[in-house]
Structures are given as C-alpha cells and as structure tokens.
C-alpha atoms as a PDB file:
ATOM      1  CA  UNK A   1      -8.505 -20.682 -16.470  1.00  0.00           C
ATOM      2  CA  UNK A   2      -7.153 -21.542 -13.005  1.00  0.00           C
ATOM      3  CA  UNK A   3      -8.711 -24.999 -13.047  1.00  0.00           C
ATOM      4  CA  UNK A   4      -7.242 -25.688 -16.478  1.00  0.00           C
ATOM      5  CA  UNK A   5      -3.772 -24.775 -15.207  1.00  0.00           C
ATOM      6  CA  UNK A   6      -3.918 -26.478 -11.789  1.00  0.00           C
ATOM      7  CA  UNK A   7      -6.182 -29.500 -12.300  1.00  0.00           C
ATOM      8  CA  UNK A   8      -8.322 -29.830 -15.453  1.00  0.00           C
ATOM      9  CA  UNK A   9     -10.270 -32.698 -13.854  1.00  0.00           C
ATOM     10  CA  UNK A  10     -11.400 -30.654 -10.831  1.00  0.00           C
ATOM     11  CA  UNK A  11     -15.086 -29.842 -10.564  1.00  0.00           C
ATOM     12  CA  UNK A  12     -16.230 -26.266 -10.103  1.00  0.00           C
ATOM     13  CA  UNK A  13     -18.723 -25.780  -7.266  1.00  0.00           C
ATOM     14  CA  UNK A  14     -20.714 -22.538  -7.144  1.00  0.00           C
ATOM     15  CA  UNK A  15     -21.479 -21.564  -3.549  1.00  0.00           C
ATOM     16  CA  UNK A  16     -22.642 -17.954  -3.820  1.00  0.00           C
ATOM     17  CA  UNK A  17     -20.820 -14.741  -3.093  1.00  0.00           C
ATOM     18  CA  UNK A  18     -19.482 -13.735   0.290  1.00  0.00           C
ATOM     19  CA  UNK A  19     -20.583 -10.407   1.751  1.00  0.00           C
ATOM     20  CA  UNK A  20     -17.518  -8.389   0.682  1.00  0.00           C
ATOM     21  CA  UNK A  21     -17.109 -10.074  -2.727  1.00  0.00           C
ATOM     22  CA  UNK A  22     -16.496  -7.378  -5.372  1.00  0.00           C
ATOM     23  CA  UNK A  23     -19.152  -7.225  -8.071  1.00  0.00           C
ATOM     24  CA  UNK A  24     -16.956  -5.613 -10.723  1.00  0.00           C
ATOM     25  CA  UNK A  25     -14.532  -8.134 -12.194  1.00  0.00           C
ATOM     26  CA  UNK A  26     -12.900  -6.059 -14.925  1.00  0.00           C
ATOM     27  CA  UNK A  27     -11.169  -3.067 -13.381  1.00  0.00           C
ATOM     28  CA  UNK A  28     -10.826   0.075 -15.467  1.00  0.00           C
ATOM     29  CA  UNK A  29      -7.163   1.074 -15.548  1.00  0.00           C
ATOM     30  CA  UNK A  30      -7.644   4.110 -17.783  1.00  0.00           C
ATOM     31  CA  UNK A  31      -7.051   6.526 -14.871  1.00  0.00           C
ATOM     32  CA  UNK A  32      -3.851   4.735 -13.828  1.00  0.00           C
ATOM     33  CA  UNK A  33      -2.680   4.776 -17.433  1.00  0.00           C
ATOM     34  CA  UNK A  34      -3.533   8.464 -17.951  1.00  0.00           C
ATOM     35  CA  UNK A  35      -2.364   9.826 -14.581  1.00  0.00           C
ATOM     36  CA  UNK A  36       0.559   7.534 -13.773  1.00  0.00           C
ATOM     37  CA  UNK A  37       1.570   6.100 -17.122  1.00  0.00           C
ATOM     38  CA  UNK A  38       0.970   2.642 -15.634  1.00  0.00           C
ATOM     39  CA  UNK A  39      -0.240  -0.404 -17.481  1.00  0.00           C
ATOM     40  CA  UNK A  40      -0.143  -4.142 -16.745  1.00  0.00           C
ATOM     41  CA  UNK A  41       3.139  -5.907 -17.468  1.00  0.00           C
ATOM     42  CA  UNK A  42       1.667  -9.420 -17.618  1.00  0.00           C
ATOM     43  CA  UNK A  43      -1.254 -11.038 -19.373  1.00  0.00           C
ATOM     44  CA  UNK A  44      -3.901 -12.580 -17.120  1.00  0.00           C
ATOM     45  CA  UNK A  45      -2.543 -16.054 -17.864  1.00  0.00           C
ATOM     46  CA  UNK A  46       1.054 -15.023 -17.082  1.00  0.00           C
ATOM     47  CA  UNK A  47      -0.100 -13.476 -13.810  1.00  0.00           C
ATOM     48  CA  UNK A  48      -2.014 -16.623 -12.858  1.00  0.00           C
ATOM     49  CA  UNK A  49       0.980 -18.820 -13.636  1.00  0.00           C
ATOM     50  CA  UNK A  50       3.221 -16.635 -11.440  1.00  0.00           C
ATOM     51  CA  UNK A  51       0.645 -16.617  -8.628  1.00  0.00           C
ATOM     52  CA  UNK A  52       0.158 -20.395  -8.770  1.00  0.00           C
ATOM     53  CA  UNK A  53       3.924 -20.946  -8.773  1.00  0.00           C
ATOM     54  CA  UNK A  54       4.289 -18.650  -5.739  1.00  0.00           C
ATOM     55  CA  UNK A  55       1.621 -20.451  -3.698  1.00  0.00           C
ATOM     56  CA  UNK A  56       2.891 -23.918  -4.628  1.00  0.00           C
ATOM     57  CA  UNK A  57       6.348 -22.891  -3.371  1.00  0.00           C
ATOM     58  CA  UNK A  58       4.865 -21.335  -0.228  1.00  0.00           C
ATOM     59  CA  UNK A  59       2.865 -24.479   0.553  1.00  0.00           C
ATOM     60  CA  UNK A  60       5.988 -26.608   0.147  1.00  0.00           C
ATOM     61  CA  UNK A  61       7.993 -24.322   2.457  1.00  0.00           C
ATOM     62  CA  UNK A  62       5.196 -24.327   5.030  1.00  0.00           C
ATOM     63  CA  UNK A  63       5.083 -28.134   4.931  1.00  0.00           C
ATOM     64  CA  UNK A  64       8.827 -28.328   5.525  1.00  0.00           C
ATOM     65  CA  UNK A  65       8.660 -25.905   8.460  1.00  0.00           C
ATOM     66  CA  UNK A  66       5.768 -27.857   9.976  1.00  0.00           C
ATOM     67  CA  UNK A  67       7.670 -31.158   9.730  1.00  0.00           C
ATOM     68  CA  UNK A  68      10.911 -29.732  11.197  1.00  0.00           C
END
C-alpha cells in the first residue's frame, strides 16, 4: 500500500526481520474499545496518507534548515 502511494515503480526488497521486529501485525483493539471506548478514527489508508504527508513535510523542512 505504501509503495503504491509513494512510488508504484519502486521494487520491494525483502531483507529479513530485525531482532525487535514485532511478529503480530494486526493488533487486537477489543480491550481498548471495551475498557476505554476507543476505536480508530482513520482507515489504514487515511493513516498512511497522513503519515506520508507528515514525513514529506519534515524532510523538506530539514533540507531547508540544512541549507541555511
């Protein structure tokens, strides 16, 4: 999904997991929902778009600070 958003032509390279890489990729939020009344406010795609936008802006700001 990230590749499709950022650069559909990019190749994916599998390099193996790092030592502290979590094995469970689909967190169970049932406890948060039951105990706190919490649930996600964004879809996965919306969250990725927001995250990508944030880091693109951060990279641009960092570039400007480095040049100045």
